[in-house]
Amino acid sequence: MESIECARCGRHVTSEAPRCPECGADPRTGIATFQRGELDRARICQGVWIRCLAILIDFVVVAAVTLLASLIVYLVLLGGGAFAEVGKGPSSWPLWVAALLGAFIYFWMCEAVWGRTLGKRLCDLRVVRRDGARLGTGGAFVRNLLRIVDWLPFCYLLGAALVWATPGSRRIGDMAARSAVVRTKLVTVSKLDDGLLAVVPWSAAATSRHAPSPRRL
């Protein structure tokens, strides 16, 4: 079945879809269809706890894949007699390098291609630019490279503090990449118009009947 790009949020949907599952608009016109009792769908910036849950899921996934891959490599080398020499055993530093590189590529490419990792998908989160556009390869690279800084002094303490304290819940990687972590929710339009929520606009929000002016992030 033919797919089209939603005129409001840019998501690819089937041409027969009456509304976009992401933004709730008619994908052909970009006009919002969720207007029961002045309701509309909006991208709301998310805080610390739901993002911590998402990244915990991602770390479990990365750790499981790394351990499985390292076990396979170890067994292959062991079968080839690589550790037959007395006193010679496997070094751990290649494992750590591979794990860090693999984790970076996982976060980078998932956010660049789909806007979300597995953890974010399970938590219904998405990473977008603050103007509503897709993050893209360059933005995702910068955002994930700066995880090194957000990790300081340990366990994302700096990043969590900034997410808690900044408008739009932004860690340093988000500030540099001009990105936001959002969740799509059905909310009353009055809250959007009053700027009570930190909202990221849809890519083509001007086509909607309700095009709120989000709080400046």
Protein backbone atom coordinates (compact mmCIF):
# COMPACT_ATOMS: atom_id res chain seq x y z
CA MET A 1 0.00 0.00 0.00
CA GLU A 2 1.27 3.46 -0.89
CA SER A 3 2.59 5.63 1.95
CA ILE A 4 2.55 9.39 2.25
CA GLU A 5 4.25 11.87 4.56
CA CYS A 6 1.96 13.51 7.08
CA ALA A 7 1.59 17.21 6.25
CA ARG A 8 1.66 18.08 9.95
CA CYS A 9 4.40 16.02 11.60
CA GLY A 10 6.22 14.38 8.68
CA ARG A 11 5.56 10.77 9.74
CA HIS A 12 5.10 8.24 6.94
CA VAL A 13 1.59 6.77 7.04
CA THR A 14 -0.52 4.76 4.61
CA SER A 15 -2.42 6.81 2.05
CA GLU A 16 -5.70 5.35 3.34
CA ALA A 17 -5.17 6.47 6.95
CA PRO A 18 -7.96 8.81 8.17
CA ARG A 19 -5.61 10.38 10.73
CA CYS A 20 -1.92 10.28 11.57
CA PRO A 21 -1.25 8.08 14.64
CA GLU A 22 1.51 10.47 15.74
CA CYS A 23 -0.09 13.92 15.61
CA GLY A 24 -3.78 13.13 15.09
CA ALA A 25 -4.12 15.20 11.91
CA ASP A 26 -5.47 14.34 8.50
CA PRO A 27 -2.14 13.36 6.88
CA ARG A 28 -3.14 14.85 3.53
CA THR A 29 -4.06 18.31 4.83
CA GLY A 30 -2.29 18.55 8.20
CA ILE A 31 -5.52 19.70 9.87
CA ALA A 32 -6.02 18.35 13.39
CA THR A 33 -8.87 15.86 13.80
CA PHE A 34 -8.70 15.54 17.61
CA GLN A 35 -10.95 18.42 18.61
CA ARG A 36 -13.41 16.83 21.02
CA GLY A 37 -14.01 19.39 23.73
CA GLU A 38 -11.17 21.60 22.49
CA LEU A 39 -8.59 18.80 22.64
CA ASP A 40 -5.58 18.43 20.38
CA ARG A 41 -2.44 16.30 20.27
CA ALA A 42 0.85 17.99 21.17
CA ARG A 43 4.49 17.13 21.72
CA ILE A 44 5.19 17.75 25.41
CA CYS A 45 8.80 17.89 26.67
CA GLN A 46 9.51 15.14 29.19
CA GLY A 47 11.42 15.21 32.45
CA VAL A 48 13.90 13.11 34.37
CA TRP A 49 12.08 9.95 35.47
CA ILE A 50 10.61 8.73 32.19
CA ARG A 51 13.89 9.47 30.43
CA CYS A 52 15.85 7.58 33.12
CA LEU A 53 13.61 4.56 32.57
CA ALA A 54 14.18 4.71 28.81
CA ILE A 55 17.96 4.92 29.09
CA LEU A 56 18.00 2.13 31.69
CA ILE A 57 16.22 -0.12 29.17
CA ASP A 58 18.74 0.90 26.50
CA PHE A 59 21.71 0.15 28.76
CA VAL A 60 20.31 -3.31 29.49
CA VAL A 61 19.95 -3.94 25.74
CA VAL A 62 23.47 -2.70 24.97
CA ALA A 63 24.99 -4.70 27.85
CA ALA A 64 23.21 -7.90 26.80
CA VAL A 65 24.34 -7.58 23.18
CA THR A 66 27.91 -6.74 24.25
CA LEU A 67 28.14 -9.72 26.59
CA LEU A 68 26.72 -12.08 23.98
CA ALA A 69 29.11 -10.82 21.30
CA SER A 70 32.11 -11.01 23.64
CA LEU A 71 31.20 -14.56 24.65
CA ILE A 72 30.99 -15.64 21.00
CA VAL A 73 34.36 -14.03 20.19
CA TYR A 74 35.94 -15.62 23.28
CA LEU A 75 34.68 -19.08 22.36
CA VAL A 76 35.90 -18.68 18.78
CA LEU A 77 39.36 -17.60 19.96
CA LEU A 78 39.44 -20.36 22.55
CA GLY A 79 38.57 -22.95 19.92
CA GLY A 80 41.37 -21.61 17.74
CA GLY A 81 43.93 -22.08 20.50
CA ALA A 82 44.48 -18.37 21.11
CA PHE A 83 44.83 -18.91 24.87
CA ALA A 84 46.72 -22.18 24.78
CA GLU A 85 49.95 -20.58 25.97
CA VAL A 86 50.39 -20.82 29.74
CA GLY A 87 49.74 -17.54 31.50
CA LYS A 88 48.14 -15.97 28.46
CA GLY A 89 44.54 -14.87 28.88
CA PRO A 90 42.10 -12.51 27.21
CA SER A 91 42.50 -8.77 27.80
CA SER A 92 39.42 -6.79 28.86
CA TRP A 93 40.26 -3.45 27.25
CA PRO A 94 39.12 -4.41 23.72
CA LEU A 95 35.75 -5.39 25.23
CA TRP A 96 35.35 -1.99 26.89
CA VAL A 97 36.33 -0.14 23.71
CA ALA A 98 33.90 -2.21 21.63
CA ALA A 99 31.12 -1.73 24.20
CA LEU A 100 31.52 2.06 24.29
CA LEU A 101 31.75 2.33 20.52
CA GLY A 102 28.77 0.02 20.04
CA ALA A 103 26.68 1.99 22.55
CA PHE A 104 27.50 5.28 20.82
CA ILE A 105 26.58 3.89 17.39
CA TYR A 106 23.36 2.40 18.79
CA PHE A 107 22.14 5.70 20.29
CA TRP A 108 23.40 7.79 17.37
CA MET A 109 21.89 5.80 14.52
CA CYS A 110 18.60 4.98 16.26
CA GLU A 111 17.96 8.65 17.01
CA ALA A 112 19.17 9.76 13.58
CA VAL A 113 17.01 7.30 11.62
CA TRP A 114 13.93 6.79 13.81
CA GLY A 115 14.19 9.57 16.40
CA ARG A 116 14.10 6.98 19.18
CA THR A 117 15.97 4.02 20.64
CA LEU A 118 14.26 0.85 21.82
CA GLY A 119 14.02 2.26 25.34
CA LYS A 120 12.45 5.48 24.11
CA ARG A 121 10.02 3.54 21.91
CA LEU A 122 8.86 1.44 24.88
CA CYS A 123 8.42 4.64 26.92
CA ASP A 124 6.66 6.41 24.01
CA LEU A 125 9.38 9.07 23.73
CA ARG A 126 10.88 10.69 20.67
CA VAL A 127 13.85 13.01 20.06
CA VAL A 128 13.18 15.93 17.71
CA ARG A 129 14.62 19.34 17.01
CA ARG A 130 13.07 22.18 19.01
CA ASP A 131 11.54 23.60 15.83
CA GLY A 132 9.66 20.32 15.29
CA ALA A 133 11.84 18.94 12.49
CA ARG A 134 13.63 15.60 12.54
CA LEU A 135 16.88 15.57 14.47
CA GLY A 136 18.96 14.17 11.62
CA THR A 137 22.38 12.53 11.56
CA GLY A 138 24.41 15.58 12.57
CA GLY A 139 22.15 16.57 15.45
CA ALA A 140 22.02 13.01 16.75
CA PHE A 141 25.84 12.79 16.57
CA VAL A 142 26.34 15.95 18.64
CA ARG A 143 23.62 15.00 21.13
CA ASN A 144 25.12 11.58 21.82
CA LEU A 145 28.76 12.67 21.76
CA LEU A 146 28.00 15.01 24.67
CA ARG A 147 26.64 12.15 26.78
CA ILE A 148 30.25 12.01 28.02
CA VAL A 149 29.78 15.44 29.64
CA ASP A 150 26.22 14.79 30.81
CA TRP A 151 27.45 11.63 32.57
CA LEU A 152 29.69 13.68 34.91
CA PRO A 153 30.52 13.26 37.69
CA PHE A 154 28.84 9.82 37.48
CA CYS A 155 25.57 8.16 36.46
CA TYR A 156 24.21 11.15 34.48
CA LEU A 157 24.12 13.36 37.57
CA LEU A 158 24.90 16.55 35.65
CA GLY A 159 22.51 15.67 32.83
CA ALA A 160 19.68 14.80 35.23
CA ALA A 161 20.18 18.07 37.17
CA LEU A 162 19.98 20.10 33.95
CA VAL A 163 16.90 18.22 32.72
CA TRP A 164 15.26 18.96 36.07
CA ALA A 165 16.18 22.67 36.08
CA THR A 166 16.03 23.91 32.49
CA PRO A 167 13.00 25.02 30.44
CA GLY A 168 12.16 22.24 28.03
CA SER A 169 14.06 19.68 30.16
CA ARG A 170 17.36 19.88 28.27
CA ARG A 171 20.69 18.31 29.13
CA ILE A 172 23.91 19.66 27.59
CA GLY A 173 23.57 17.37 24.56
CA ASP A 174 20.10 18.76 23.91
CA MET A 175 21.32 22.35 24.21
CA ALA A 176 24.13 21.78 21.72
CA ALA A 177 21.99 19.82 19.24
CA ARG A 178 18.91 22.05 19.73
CA SER A 179 16.90 18.94 20.49
CA ALA A 180 14.11 17.94 22.86
CA VAL A 181 12.77 14.65 24.20
CA VAL A 182 9.00 14.69 23.77
CA ARG A 183 5.92 12.56 24.30
CA THR A 184 2.73 13.01 22.29
CA LYS A 185 -0.30 13.66 24.50
CA LEU A 186 -3.91 14.68 24.06
CA VAL A 187 -4.33 17.98 25.93
CA THR A 188 -6.74 20.89 26.09
CA VAL A 189 -5.95 23.66 23.64
CA SER A 190 -6.29 26.30 26.36
CA LYS A 191 -3.21 24.90 28.14
CA LEU A 192 -1.26 25.16 24.90
CA ASP A 193 -2.44 28.69 24.18
CA ASP A 194 -1.61 29.81 27.73
CA GLY A 195 1.91 28.41 27.48
CA LEU A 196 1.49 26.25 30.59
CA LEU A 197 3.37 23.35 28.99
CA ALA A 198 6.78 23.12 27.35
CA VAL A 199 5.67 22.19 23.83
CA VAL A 200 7.58 21.43 20.64
CA PRO A 201 5.60 22.39 17.53
CA TRP A 202 4.74 19.98 14.75
CA SER A 203 6.81 20.32 11.59
CA ALA A 204 3.91 22.06 9.84
CA ALA A 205 1.87 23.25 12.81
CA ALA A 206 0.60 26.28 10.88
CA THR A 207 -1.65 24.00 8.81
CA SER A 208 -3.59 22.95 11.91
CA ARG A 209 -6.79 24.64 13.02
CA HIS A 210 -5.16 24.81 16.43
CA ALA A 211 -1.63 26.15 16.03
CA PRO A 212 -0.68 27.08 19.63
CA SER A 213 2.22 29.31 20.50
CA PRO A 214 4.35 27.01 22.67
CA ARG A 215 6.31 28.24 25.66
CA ARG A 216 9.74 29.33 24.47
CA LEU A 217 12.25 26.55 25.12
